Amino acid sequence: MATDFNKITMKTIKILLLAIIGLAAVTGCGDDDEFYNSKYTSIPNLITIEHQNNYTVGDVLWLNTNFSRYQPEPNQTTPLDIFKTTGGASFSFAYGLEKKTGTNTWTAIDIRSIIKDQGDAVADFYVIAESIYEPVSQNYKFRAGIPLSETGEYRLVFGLSEVSRLELSSNNNNSEDTFLTIQTTANNLTAGYYNFTVQ
């Protein structure tokens, strides 16, 4: 009977030891950003809205990016090479259009038509824009426009959440490269939105 007790005790100790080692391995991995090699930075003014004082039906609302692969990094003496850091990944951001339909009421417009000039974009309710690296200039470039087909008060929103947020995210092909999210700004925004009227 003592032998059975010793076997049970040894088995319990082995299981307990494996559980402790497993727990140490899981908690030692750090956060998800460390595990997935994700980094965040903030670089202002990477998105440009090609502002017009007056819009009429038939005009096009153009957005673009044209930023260098070398970007200043806080507390660093050398610029961050975002092309090298991300393994040559392109960068994407999302934006949409809302129309004022009542006092303090905005309704999302289903964007189906977009005019692509540089980079790439997919329009399916929102626009998913892709800034693509151009080796000659060593810049990331995107330019596309939304045809304005109706009169009214509008606002351009960024991101896919309820809060307008300007972020460029790298589209990495290799999981060993750094996934980089850049918080940025755009010109002519009020509280995160670009407001305009189409006459």
N, C-alpha and C. Protein backbone atom coordinates (compact mmCIF):
# COMPACT_ATOMS: atom_id res chain seq x y z
N MET A 1 0.82 -1.18 0.00
CA MET A 1 0.00 0.00 0.00
C MET A 1 0.87 1.26 0.00
N ALA A 2 2.00 1.20 0.67
CA ALA A 2 2.90 2.35 0.68
C ALA A 2 3.43 2.62 -0.72
N THR A 3 3.60 1.56 -1.50
CA THR A 3 4.08 1.73 -2.87
C THR A 3 3.05 2.47 -3.70
N ASP A 4 1.75 2.15 -3.55
CA ASP A 4 0.70 2.86 -4.27
C ASP A 4 0.67 4.33 -3.87
N PHE A 5 0.85 4.56 -2.56
CA PHE A 5 0.86 5.95 -2.07
C PHE A 5 2.03 6.72 -2.67
N ASN A 6 3.20 6.08 -2.75
CA ASN A 6 4.39 6.73 -3.33
C ASN A 6 4.19 7.02 -4.82
N LYS A 7 3.54 6.08 -5.54
CA LYS A 7 3.28 6.28 -6.97
C LYS A 7 2.34 7.47 -7.17
N ILE A 8 1.29 7.54 -6.34
CA ILE A 8 0.34 8.63 -6.45
C ILE A 8 1.02 9.96 -6.11
N THR A 9 1.83 9.95 -5.06
CA THR A 9 2.53 11.17 -4.64
C THR A 9 3.50 11.62 -5.74
N MET A 10 4.26 10.70 -6.32
CA MET A 10 5.21 11.05 -7.38
C MET A 10 4.46 11.58 -8.62
N LYS A 11 3.34 10.95 -8.93
CA LYS A 11 2.55 11.39 -10.07
C LYS A 11 2.01 12.80 -9.82
N THR A 12 1.52 13.05 -8.61
CA THR A 12 1.01 14.36 -8.25
C THR A 12 2.12 15.41 -8.33
N ILE A 13 3.29 15.08 -7.86
CA ILE A 13 4.42 16.02 -7.88
C ILE A 13 4.80 16.32 -9.34
N LYS A 14 4.81 15.30 -10.19
CA LYS A 14 5.14 15.51 -11.60
C LYS A 14 4.12 16.44 -12.27
N ILE A 15 2.85 16.18 -12.01
CA ILE A 15 1.80 17.01 -12.59
C ILE A 15 1.90 18.44 -12.09
N LEU A 16 2.13 18.59 -10.79
CA LEU A 16 2.28 19.91 -10.20
C LEU A 16 3.49 20.64 -10.78
N LEU A 17 4.59 19.93 -10.94
CA LEU A 17 5.80 20.52 -11.51
C LEU A 17 5.55 20.95 -12.96
N LEU A 18 4.88 20.11 -13.75
CA LEU A 18 4.56 20.47 -15.14
C LEU A 18 3.63 21.70 -15.19
N ALA A 19 2.68 21.74 -14.27
CA ALA A 19 1.77 22.89 -14.23
C ALA A 19 2.52 24.17 -13.91
N ILE A 20 3.45 24.11 -12.96
CA ILE A 20 4.23 25.30 -12.60
C ILE A 20 5.10 25.74 -13.77
N ILE A 21 5.76 24.79 -14.43
CA ILE A 21 6.60 25.13 -15.59
C ILE A 21 5.75 25.73 -16.70
N GLY A 22 4.60 25.12 -16.96
CA GLY A 22 3.69 25.64 -17.99
C GLY A 22 3.21 27.04 -17.67
N LEU A 23 2.84 27.28 -16.42
CA LEU A 23 2.38 28.60 -16.00
C LEU A 23 3.50 29.62 -16.13
N ALA A 24 4.72 29.24 -15.77
CA ALA A 24 5.86 30.16 -15.89
C ALA A 24 6.13 30.49 -17.36
N ALA A 25 5.99 29.48 -18.23
CA ALA A 25 6.23 29.72 -19.65
C ALA A 25 5.20 30.68 -20.23
N VAL A 26 3.94 30.50 -19.85
CA VAL A 26 2.87 31.36 -20.37
C VAL A 26 3.00 32.78 -19.86
N THR A 27 3.26 32.95 -18.59
CA THR A 27 3.35 34.30 -18.04
C THR A 27 4.66 34.98 -18.42
N GLY A 28 5.65 34.24 -18.83
CA GLY A 28 6.94 34.82 -19.20
C GLY A 28 6.97 35.36 -20.62
N CYS A 29 5.90 35.17 -21.39
CA CYS A 29 5.89 35.61 -22.79
C CYS A 29 5.70 37.10 -22.94
N GLY A 30 5.32 37.80 -21.89
CA GLY A 30 5.06 39.23 -22.02
C GLY A 30 3.68 39.46 -22.59
N ASP A 31 3.43 40.69 -23.07
CA ASP A 31 2.11 41.02 -23.61
C ASP A 31 1.99 40.57 -25.06
N ASP A 32 0.79 40.71 -25.62
CA ASP A 32 0.54 40.30 -27.00
C ASP A 32 1.40 41.07 -27.98
N ASP A 33 1.64 42.37 -27.71
CA ASP A 33 2.46 43.16 -28.62
C ASP A 33 3.87 42.61 -28.73
N GLU A 34 4.41 42.15 -27.60
CA GLU A 34 5.74 41.56 -27.60
C GLU A 34 5.71 40.23 -28.35
N PHE A 35 4.67 39.44 -28.10
CA PHE A 35 4.54 38.13 -28.73
C PHE A 35 4.39 38.26 -30.24
N TYR A 36 3.57 39.19 -30.70
CA TYR A 36 3.33 39.36 -32.13
C TYR A 36 4.27 40.36 -32.78
N ASN A 37 5.25 40.88 -32.05
CA ASN A 37 6.23 41.83 -32.56
C ASN A 37 5.54 43.09 -33.11
N SER A 38 4.63 43.64 -32.32
CA SER A 38 3.91 44.85 -32.71
C SER A 38 4.52 46.07 -32.03
N LYS A 39 4.63 47.13 -32.79
CA LYS A 39 5.15 48.39 -32.25
C LYS A 39 4.21 49.52 -32.66
N TYR A 40 4.19 50.56 -31.85
CA TYR A 40 3.35 51.73 -32.08
C TYR A 40 4.20 52.97 -32.04
N THR A 41 3.87 53.92 -32.90
CA THR A 41 4.54 55.21 -32.88
C THR A 41 3.54 56.28 -33.30
N SER A 42 3.93 57.51 -33.12
CA SER A 42 3.07 58.63 -33.48
C SER A 42 3.87 59.57 -34.38
N ILE A 43 3.35 59.78 -35.60
CA ILE A 43 3.99 60.67 -36.56
C ILE A 43 2.89 61.56 -37.15
N PRO A 44 2.94 62.86 -36.92
CA PRO A 44 1.86 63.74 -37.39
C PRO A 44 1.87 63.97 -38.89
N ASN A 45 0.71 64.36 -39.40
CA ASN A 45 0.54 64.89 -40.77
C ASN A 45 0.89 63.92 -41.90
N LEU A 46 0.56 62.65 -41.76
CA LEU A 46 0.84 61.70 -42.84
C LEU A 46 -0.31 61.58 -43.84
N ILE A 47 -1.51 62.05 -43.46
CA ILE A 47 -2.66 62.00 -44.36
C ILE A 47 -3.05 63.43 -44.73
N THR A 48 -3.28 63.65 -46.02
CA THR A 48 -3.66 64.97 -46.50
C THR A 48 -5.03 64.90 -47.18
N ILE A 49 -5.91 65.80 -46.76
CA ILE A 49 -7.19 65.99 -47.43
C ILE A 49 -7.00 67.17 -48.37
N GLU A 50 -7.25 66.96 -49.65
CA GLU A 50 -7.06 68.03 -50.63
C GLU A 50 -8.27 68.96 -50.55
N HIS A 51 -8.17 69.89 -49.63
CA HIS A 51 -9.27 70.79 -49.25
C HIS A 51 -9.66 71.74 -50.37
N GLN A 52 -10.97 71.95 -50.50
CA GLN A 52 -11.53 72.98 -51.36
C GLN A 52 -12.44 73.84 -50.49
N ASN A 53 -12.52 75.12 -50.78
CA ASN A 53 -13.42 75.99 -50.01
C ASN A 53 -14.89 75.70 -50.31
N ASN A 54 -15.17 75.32 -51.56
CA ASN A 54 -16.55 75.03 -51.96
C ASN A 54 -16.59 73.73 -52.75
N TYR A 55 -17.57 72.90 -52.43
CA TYR A 55 -17.80 71.67 -53.19
C TYR A 55 -19.17 71.76 -53.84
N THR A 56 -19.25 71.27 -55.07
CA THR A 56 -20.53 71.18 -55.76
C THR A 56 -20.71 69.74 -56.23
N VAL A 57 -21.95 69.38 -56.54
CA VAL A 57 -22.22 68.04 -57.04
C VAL A 57 -21.36 67.80 -58.27
N GLY A 58 -20.69 66.66 -58.29
CA GLY A 58 -19.78 66.33 -59.39
C GLY A 58 -18.32 66.51 -59.03
N ASP A 59 -18.04 67.26 -57.96
CA ASP A 59 -16.65 67.40 -57.50
C ASP A 59 -16.19 66.08 -56.88
N VAL A 60 -14.88 66.00 -56.64
CA VAL A 60 -14.28 64.80 -56.04
C VAL A 60 -13.54 65.21 -54.78
N LEU A 61 -13.78 64.48 -53.71
CA LEU A 61 -13.06 64.69 -52.44
C LEU A 61 -11.83 63.78 -52.47
N TRP A 62 -10.64 64.40 -52.58
CA TRP A 62 -9.39 63.65 -52.70
C TRP A 62 -8.66 63.55 -51.36
N LEU A 63 -8.09 62.36 -51.09
CA LEU A 63 -7.20 62.13 -49.95
C LEU A 63 -5.90 61.57 -50.48
N ASN A 64 -4.79 61.89 -49.80
CA ASN A 64 -3.53 61.30 -50.22
C ASN A 64 -2.57 61.12 -49.06
N THR A 65 -1.61 60.26 -49.28
CA THR A 65 -0.44 60.14 -48.41
C THR A 65 0.77 60.20 -49.33
N ASN A 66 1.84 60.79 -48.82
CA ASN A 66 3.10 60.85 -49.55
C ASN A 66 4.17 61.09 -48.49
N PHE A 67 4.59 60.01 -47.83
CA PHE A 67 5.53 60.16 -46.73
C PHE A 67 6.75 59.26 -46.91
N SER A 68 7.87 59.74 -46.42
CA SER A 68 9.15 59.07 -46.56
C SER A 68 9.22 57.80 -45.72
N ARG A 69 10.04 56.88 -46.17
CA ARG A 69 10.30 55.66 -45.39
C ARG A 69 11.08 56.00 -44.11
N TYR A 70 11.76 57.14 -44.09
CA TYR A 70 12.56 57.57 -42.93
C TYR A 70 11.75 58.59 -42.14
N GLN A 71 11.39 58.24 -40.92
CA GLN A 71 10.55 59.11 -40.09
C GLN A 71 11.23 59.37 -38.75
N PRO A 72 11.09 60.60 -38.24
CA PRO A 72 11.67 60.89 -36.92
C PRO A 72 10.99 60.04 -35.86
N GLU A 73 11.78 59.61 -34.90
CA GLU A 73 11.26 58.79 -33.81
C GLU A 73 11.59 59.49 -32.49
N PRO A 74 10.60 59.62 -31.61
CA PRO A 74 10.84 60.31 -30.33
C PRO A 74 12.02 59.70 -29.56
N ASN A 75 12.84 60.57 -29.03
CA ASN A 75 13.99 60.20 -28.19
C ASN A 75 15.05 59.38 -28.92
N GLN A 76 15.09 59.47 -30.25
CA GLN A 76 16.11 58.77 -31.03
C GLN A 76 16.86 59.78 -31.90
N THR A 77 18.14 59.52 -32.15
CA THR A 77 18.94 60.44 -32.96
C THR A 77 18.89 60.10 -34.44
N THR A 78 18.59 58.85 -34.78
CA THR A 78 18.49 58.46 -36.17
C THR A 78 17.02 58.20 -36.52
N PRO A 79 16.63 58.50 -37.76
CA PRO A 79 15.24 58.28 -38.16
C PRO A 79 14.88 56.79 -38.17
N LEU A 80 13.61 56.52 -37.98
CA LEU A 80 13.08 55.17 -38.07
C LEU A 80 12.88 54.83 -39.55
N ASP A 81 13.45 53.74 -40.00
CA ASP A 81 13.27 53.27 -41.38
C ASP A 81 12.08 52.31 -41.37
N ILE A 82 10.89 52.84 -41.68
CA ILE A 82 9.68 52.02 -41.58
C ILE A 82 9.63 50.94 -42.67
N PHE A 83 10.32 51.16 -43.79
CA PHE A 83 10.38 50.13 -44.83
C PHE A 83 11.16 48.92 -44.32
N LYS A 84 12.32 49.17 -43.75
CA LYS A 84 13.16 48.09 -43.22
C LYS A 84 12.51 47.42 -42.02
N THR A 85 11.94 48.22 -41.14
CA THR A 85 11.32 47.70 -39.91
C THR A 85 10.19 46.74 -40.22
N THR A 86 9.39 47.05 -41.24
CA THR A 86 8.22 46.23 -41.55
C THR A 86 8.48 45.22 -42.66
N GLY A 87 9.71 45.13 -43.15
CA GLY A 87 10.01 44.19 -44.22
C GLY A 87 9.41 44.61 -45.55
N GLY A 88 9.27 45.90 -45.76
CA GLY A 88 8.75 46.41 -47.03
C GLY A 88 7.24 46.40 -47.13
N ALA A 89 6.56 46.32 -46.01
CA ALA A 89 5.09 46.26 -46.02
C ALA A 89 4.48 47.59 -46.48
N SER A 90 3.31 47.49 -47.07
CA SER A 90 2.53 48.70 -47.36
C SER A 90 1.79 49.09 -46.09
N PHE A 91 1.12 50.25 -46.11
CA PHE A 91 0.37 50.72 -44.94
C PHE A 91 -1.07 51.00 -45.35
N SER A 92 -2.01 50.60 -44.50
CA SER A 92 -3.43 50.82 -44.78
C SER A 92 -4.09 51.67 -43.71
N PHE A 93 -5.15 52.36 -44.13
CA PHE A 93 -6.01 53.08 -43.20
C PHE A 93 -7.41 53.08 -43.78
N ALA A 94 -8.38 53.30 -42.93
CA ALA A 94 -9.78 53.26 -43.36
C ALA A 94 -10.42 54.63 -43.16
N TYR A 95 -11.34 54.95 -44.07
CA TYR A 95 -12.11 56.18 -43.91
C TYR A 95 -13.48 56.01 -44.55
N GLY A 96 -14.40 56.85 -44.10
CA GLY A 96 -15.76 56.79 -44.61
C GLY A 96 -16.37 58.17 -44.67
N LEU A 97 -17.61 58.21 -45.11
CA LEU A 97 -18.31 59.47 -45.30
C LEU A 97 -19.66 59.38 -44.60
N GLU A 98 -20.00 60.44 -43.86
CA GLU A 98 -21.30 60.51 -43.20
C GLU A 98 -22.01 61.79 -43.65
N LYS A 99 -23.34 61.69 -43.74
CA LYS A 99 -24.17 62.83 -44.14
C LYS A 99 -25.04 63.22 -42.97
N LYS A 100 -25.17 64.53 -42.75
CA LYS A 100 -26.02 65.02 -41.67
C LYS A 100 -27.48 64.84 -42.08
N THR A 101 -28.23 64.10 -41.25
CA THR A 101 -29.63 63.80 -41.57
C THR A 101 -30.59 64.38 -40.55
N GLY A 102 -30.06 65.09 -39.56
CA GLY A 102 -30.88 65.72 -38.53
C GLY A 102 -29.98 66.44 -37.55
N THR A 103 -30.56 67.10 -36.59
CA THR A 103 -29.77 67.79 -35.58
C THR A 103 -28.92 66.77 -34.84
N ASN A 104 -27.61 66.92 -34.91
CA ASN A 104 -26.65 66.01 -34.27
C ASN A 104 -26.81 64.56 -34.71
N THR A 105 -27.37 64.32 -35.90
CA THR A 105 -27.54 62.96 -36.42
C THR A 105 -26.78 62.83 -37.73
N TRP A 106 -25.87 61.86 -37.77
CA TRP A 106 -25.06 61.60 -38.95
C TRP A 106 -25.31 60.17 -39.39
N THR A 107 -25.48 59.98 -40.68
CA THR A 107 -25.75 58.66 -41.25
C THR A 107 -24.62 58.30 -42.20
N ALA A 108 -24.07 57.10 -42.02
CA ALA A 108 -22.98 56.64 -42.88
C ALA A 108 -23.47 56.47 -44.32
N ILE A 109 -22.64 56.90 -45.26
CA ILE A 109 -22.92 56.78 -46.69
C ILE A 109 -22.20 55.54 -47.20
N ASP A 110 -22.90 54.71 -47.95
CA ASP A 110 -22.31 53.51 -48.54
C ASP A 110 -21.49 53.92 -49.76
N ILE A 111 -20.17 53.91 -49.60
CA ILE A 111 -19.27 54.31 -50.70
C ILE A 111 -19.03 53.09 -51.59
N ARG A 112 -19.44 53.19 -52.82
CA ARG A 112 -19.24 52.09 -53.79
C ARG A 112 -18.33 52.51 -54.93
N SER A 113 -18.17 53.81 -55.12
CA SER A 113 -17.38 54.31 -56.23
C SER A 113 -16.21 55.13 -55.71
N ILE A 114 -15.03 54.84 -56.20
CA ILE A 114 -13.83 55.59 -55.81
C ILE A 114 -12.93 55.71 -57.04
N ILE A 115 -12.25 56.83 -57.13
CA ILE A 115 -11.32 57.06 -58.24
C ILE A 115 -9.91 56.87 -57.67
N LYS A 116 -9.20 55.86 -58.18
CA LYS A 116 -7.84 55.57 -57.71
C LYS A 116 -6.81 56.25 -58.61
N ASP A 117 -5.85 56.92 -57.97
CA ASP A 117 -4.78 57.58 -58.70
C ASP A 117 -3.43 56.96 -58.36
N GLN A 118 -3.14 56.77 -57.07
CA GLN A 118 -1.89 56.15 -56.62
C GLN A 118 -2.20 55.21 -55.47
N GLY A 119 -1.36 54.20 -55.30
CA GLY A 119 -1.60 53.21 -54.26
C GLY A 119 -2.79 52.35 -54.65
N ASP A 120 -3.52 51.87 -53.66
CA ASP A 120 -4.67 51.03 -53.94
C ASP A 120 -5.77 51.35 -52.93
N ALA A 121 -6.98 50.99 -53.29
CA ALA A 121 -8.12 51.22 -52.39
C ALA A 121 -9.24 50.27 -52.76
N VAL A 122 -9.99 49.88 -51.73
CA VAL A 122 -11.18 49.06 -51.91
C VAL A 122 -12.33 49.84 -51.29
N ALA A 123 -13.39 50.04 -52.08
CA ALA A 123 -14.57 50.76 -51.58
C ALA A 123 -15.71 49.76 -51.40
N ASP A 124 -16.11 49.57 -50.16
CA ASP A 124 -17.24 48.71 -49.84
C ASP A 124 -17.82 49.25 -48.55
N PHE A 125 -18.65 50.25 -48.67
CA PHE A 125 -19.21 51.04 -47.57
C PHE A 125 -18.16 52.02 -47.09
N TYR A 126 -17.08 51.55 -46.48
CA TYR A 126 -15.92 52.37 -46.14
C TYR A 126 -14.86 52.19 -47.22
N VAL A 127 -13.84 53.03 -47.19
CA VAL A 127 -12.71 52.88 -48.09
C VAL A 127 -11.54 52.34 -47.27
N ILE A 128 -10.95 51.26 -47.73
CA ILE A 128 -9.71 50.77 -47.16
C ILE A 128 -8.61 51.22 -48.12
N ALA A 129 -7.80 52.17 -47.67
CA ALA A 129 -6.76 52.76 -48.50
C ALA A 129 -5.44 52.06 -48.23
N GLU A 130 -4.63 51.91 -49.28
CA GLU A 130 -3.32 51.27 -49.13
C GLU A 130 -2.24 52.17 -49.70
N SER A 131 -1.35 52.64 -48.82
CA SER A 131 -0.19 53.44 -49.23
C SER A 131 0.92 52.46 -49.59
N ILE A 132 1.35 52.52 -50.84
CA ILE A 132 2.32 51.57 -51.36
C ILE A 132 3.68 52.25 -51.52
N TYR A 133 4.74 51.53 -51.16
CA TYR A 133 6.09 52.05 -51.25
C TYR A 133 6.51 52.21 -52.71
N GLU A 134 7.05 53.38 -53.01
CA GLU A 134 7.53 53.70 -54.36
C GLU A 134 9.05 53.85 -54.28
N PRO A 135 9.81 52.89 -54.83
CA PRO A 135 11.27 52.87 -54.62
C PRO A 135 12.03 54.08 -55.14
N VAL A 136 11.59 54.69 -56.23
CA VAL A 136 12.34 55.82 -56.80
C VAL A 136 12.36 56.99 -55.82
N SER A 137 11.19 57.36 -55.29
CA SER A 137 11.12 58.48 -54.34
C SER A 137 11.38 58.05 -52.91
N GLN A 138 11.35 56.75 -52.65
CA GLN A 138 11.45 56.17 -51.31
C GLN A 138 10.33 56.68 -50.40
N ASN A 139 9.17 56.90 -51.01
CA ASN A 139 7.99 57.37 -50.27
C ASN A 139 6.86 56.36 -50.38
N TYR A 140 5.98 56.40 -49.39
CA TYR A 140 4.73 55.65 -49.42
C TYR A 140 3.67 56.56 -50.01
N LYS A 141 2.95 56.07 -51.05
CA LYS A 141 2.02 56.95 -51.75
C LYS A 141 0.63 56.32 -51.89
N PHE A 142 -0.35 57.19 -51.73
CA PHE A 142 -1.75 56.84 -51.96
C PHE A 142 -2.46 58.11 -52.39
N ARG A 143 -3.38 57.97 -53.34
CA ARG A 143 -4.27 59.09 -53.69
C ARG A 143 -5.52 58.51 -54.33
N ALA A 144 -6.66 58.85 -53.76
CA ALA A 144 -7.94 58.42 -54.31
C ALA A 144 -8.99 59.45 -53.94
N GLY A 145 -10.07 59.43 -54.72
CA GLY A 145 -11.12 60.41 -54.50
C GLY A 145 -12.50 59.79 -54.48
N ILE A 146 -13.39 60.42 -53.72
CA ILE A 146 -14.79 60.02 -53.64
C ILE A 146 -15.61 61.03 -54.45
N PRO A 147 -16.30 60.57 -55.49
CA PRO A 147 -17.18 61.48 -56.23
C PRO A 147 -18.34 61.94 -55.34
N LEU A 148 -18.62 63.23 -55.36
CA LEU A 148 -19.70 63.79 -54.54
C LEU A 148 -20.94 63.95 -55.41
N SER A 149 -21.99 63.16 -55.11
CA SER A 149 -23.13 63.08 -56.02
C SER A 149 -24.41 63.74 -55.50
N GLU A 150 -24.42 64.19 -54.22
CA GLU A 150 -25.62 64.81 -53.66
C GLU A 150 -25.25 66.03 -52.83
N THR A 151 -26.18 67.00 -52.78
CA THR A 151 -25.98 68.16 -51.92
C THR A 151 -26.17 67.75 -50.47
N GLY A 152 -25.63 68.54 -49.55
CA GLY A 152 -25.83 68.30 -48.13
C GLY A 152 -24.59 68.60 -47.32
N GLU A 153 -24.72 68.41 -46.00
CA GLU A 153 -23.60 68.57 -45.08
C GLU A 153 -23.01 67.19 -44.83
N TYR A 154 -21.68 67.11 -44.94
CA TYR A 154 -20.98 65.84 -44.81
C TYR A 154 -19.82 65.96 -43.84
N ARG A 155 -19.34 64.79 -43.41
CA ARG A 155 -18.08 64.74 -42.67
C ARG A 155 -17.36 63.46 -43.04
N LEU A 156 -16.04 63.58 -43.15
CA LEU A 156 -15.17 62.45 -43.42
C LEU A 156 -14.74 61.88 -42.07
N VAL A 157 -14.85 60.57 -41.90
CA VAL A 157 -14.48 59.91 -40.65
C VAL A 157 -13.35 58.93 -40.93
N PHE A 158 -12.52 58.69 -39.93
CA PHE A 158 -11.38 57.80 -40.09
C PHE A 158 -11.51 56.61 -39.15
N GLY A 159 -11.07 55.45 -39.61
CA GLY A 159 -11.13 54.23 -38.82
C GLY A 159 -12.47 53.53 -39.04
N LEU A 160 -12.61 52.38 -38.40
CA LEU A 160 -13.82 51.58 -38.55
C LEU A 160 -14.65 51.53 -37.28
N SER A 161 -14.30 52.36 -36.31
CA SER A 161 -15.05 52.38 -35.06
C SER A 161 -15.89 53.66 -35.00
N GLU A 162 -16.64 53.81 -33.93
CA GLU A 162 -17.49 55.00 -33.78
C GLU A 162 -16.68 56.27 -33.57
N VAL A 163 -15.46 56.12 -33.09
CA VAL A 163 -14.60 57.28 -32.85
C VAL A 163 -13.68 57.45 -34.05
N SER A 164 -13.62 58.65 -34.60
CA SER A 164 -12.75 58.90 -35.74
C SER A 164 -11.29 58.84 -35.27
N ARG A 165 -10.53 57.87 -35.83
CA ARG A 165 -9.14 57.67 -35.39
C ARG A 165 -8.25 57.47 -36.62
N LEU A 166 -7.19 58.24 -36.70
CA LEU A 166 -6.26 58.15 -37.82
C LEU A 166 -5.10 57.25 -37.46
N GLU A 167 -5.08 56.08 -38.05
CA GLU A 167 -3.99 55.13 -37.84
C GLU A 167 -3.63 54.48 -39.16
N LEU A 168 -2.34 54.38 -39.41
CA LEU A 168 -1.82 53.63 -40.54
C LEU A 168 -1.24 52.34 -39.98
N SER A 169 -1.64 51.21 -40.53
CA SER A 169 -1.17 49.91 -40.05
C SER A 169 -0.44 49.19 -41.16
N SER A 170 0.72 48.60 -40.81
CA SER A 170 1.50 47.89 -41.83
C SER A 170 0.81 46.58 -42.21
N ASN A 171 0.95 46.24 -43.48
CA ASN A 171 0.38 45.00 -44.03
C ASN A 171 1.53 44.01 -44.23
N ASN A 172 1.99 43.40 -43.15
CA ASN A 172 3.16 42.54 -43.21
C ASN A 172 2.86 41.20 -43.87
N ASN A 173 3.81 40.73 -44.68
CA ASN A 173 3.72 39.41 -45.30
C ASN A 173 4.44 38.35 -44.48
N ASN A 174 5.37 38.78 -43.65
CA ASN A 174 6.19 37.86 -42.88
C ASN A 174 5.98 38.13 -41.39
N SER A 175 5.62 37.12 -40.64
CA SER A 175 5.34 37.30 -39.21
C SER A 175 6.59 37.65 -38.42
N GLU A 176 7.76 37.49 -39.01
CA GLU A 176 8.99 37.83 -38.30
C GLU A 176 9.29 39.33 -38.36
N ASP A 177 8.67 40.04 -39.30
CA ASP A 177 8.86 41.49 -39.38
C ASP A 177 7.98 42.19 -38.36
N THR A 178 8.33 43.41 -38.03
CA THR A 178 7.57 44.19 -37.05
C THR A 178 6.27 44.70 -37.66
N PHE A 179 5.18 44.46 -36.96
CA PHE A 179 3.88 45.02 -37.35
C PHE A 179 3.82 46.41 -36.72
N LEU A 180 3.74 47.44 -37.55
CA LEU A 180 3.84 48.81 -37.08
C LEU A 180 2.51 49.54 -37.26
N THR A 181 2.03 50.16 -36.19
CA THR A 181 0.85 51.01 -36.23
C THR A 181 1.30 52.44 -35.96
N ILE A 182 0.96 53.35 -36.88
CA ILE A 182 1.34 54.75 -36.75
C ILE A 182 0.09 55.58 -36.50
N GLN A 183 0.03 56.21 -35.34
CA GLN A 183 -1.04 57.19 -35.09
C GLN A 183 -0.60 58.48 -35.76
N THR A 184 -1.53 59.09 -36.52
CA THR A 184 -1.16 60.28 -37.28
C THR A 184 -2.28 61.31 -37.23
N THR A 185 -2.11 62.37 -37.98
CA THR A 185 -3.11 63.43 -38.08
C THR A 185 -3.31 63.77 -39.55
N ALA A 186 -4.35 64.54 -39.81
CA ALA A 186 -4.61 65.05 -41.16
C ALA A 186 -4.96 66.53 -41.03
N ASN A 187 -4.86 67.25 -42.13
CA ASN A 187 -5.15 68.68 -42.14
C ASN A 187 -6.65 68.94 -42.09
N ASN A 188 -7.02 70.12 -41.63
CA ASN A 188 -8.40 70.63 -41.65
C ASN A 188 -9.42 69.78 -40.89
N LEU A 189 -9.00 69.13 -39.81
CA LEU A 189 -9.94 68.33 -39.01
C LEU A 189 -10.45 69.14 -37.83
N THR A 190 -11.71 68.90 -37.48
CA THR A 190 -12.31 69.46 -36.28
C THR A 190 -12.82 68.28 -35.46
N ALA A 191 -12.25 68.10 -34.27
CA ALA A 191 -12.61 66.99 -33.38
C ALA A 191 -12.51 65.64 -34.09
N GLY A 192 -11.51 65.49 -34.97
CA GLY A 192 -11.28 64.23 -35.66
C GLY A 192 -12.03 64.05 -36.97
N TYR A 193 -12.83 65.02 -37.38
CA TYR A 193 -13.64 64.92 -38.59
C TYR A 193 -13.29 66.05 -39.57
N TYR A 194 -13.47 65.76 -40.87
CA TYR A 194 -13.37 66.80 -41.88
C TYR A 194 -14.79 67.11 -42.32
N ASN A 195 -15.27 68.30 -41.94
CA ASN A 195 -16.65 68.72 -42.24
C ASN A 195 -16.67 69.59 -43.50
N PHE A 196 -17.66 69.34 -44.37
CA PHE A 196 -17.77 70.15 -45.59
C PHE A 196 -19.22 70.09 -46.10
N THR A 197 -19.53 71.02 -46.97
CA THR A 197 -20.87 71.11 -47.56
C THR A 197 -20.77 70.97 -49.06
N VAL A 198 -21.68 70.21 -49.63
CA VAL A 198 -21.78 70.07 -51.08
C VAL A 198 -23.01 70.83 -51.52
N GLN A 199 -22.85 71.79 -52.46
CA GLN A 199 -23.97 72.61 -52.93
C GLN A 199 -24.40 72.19 -54.32
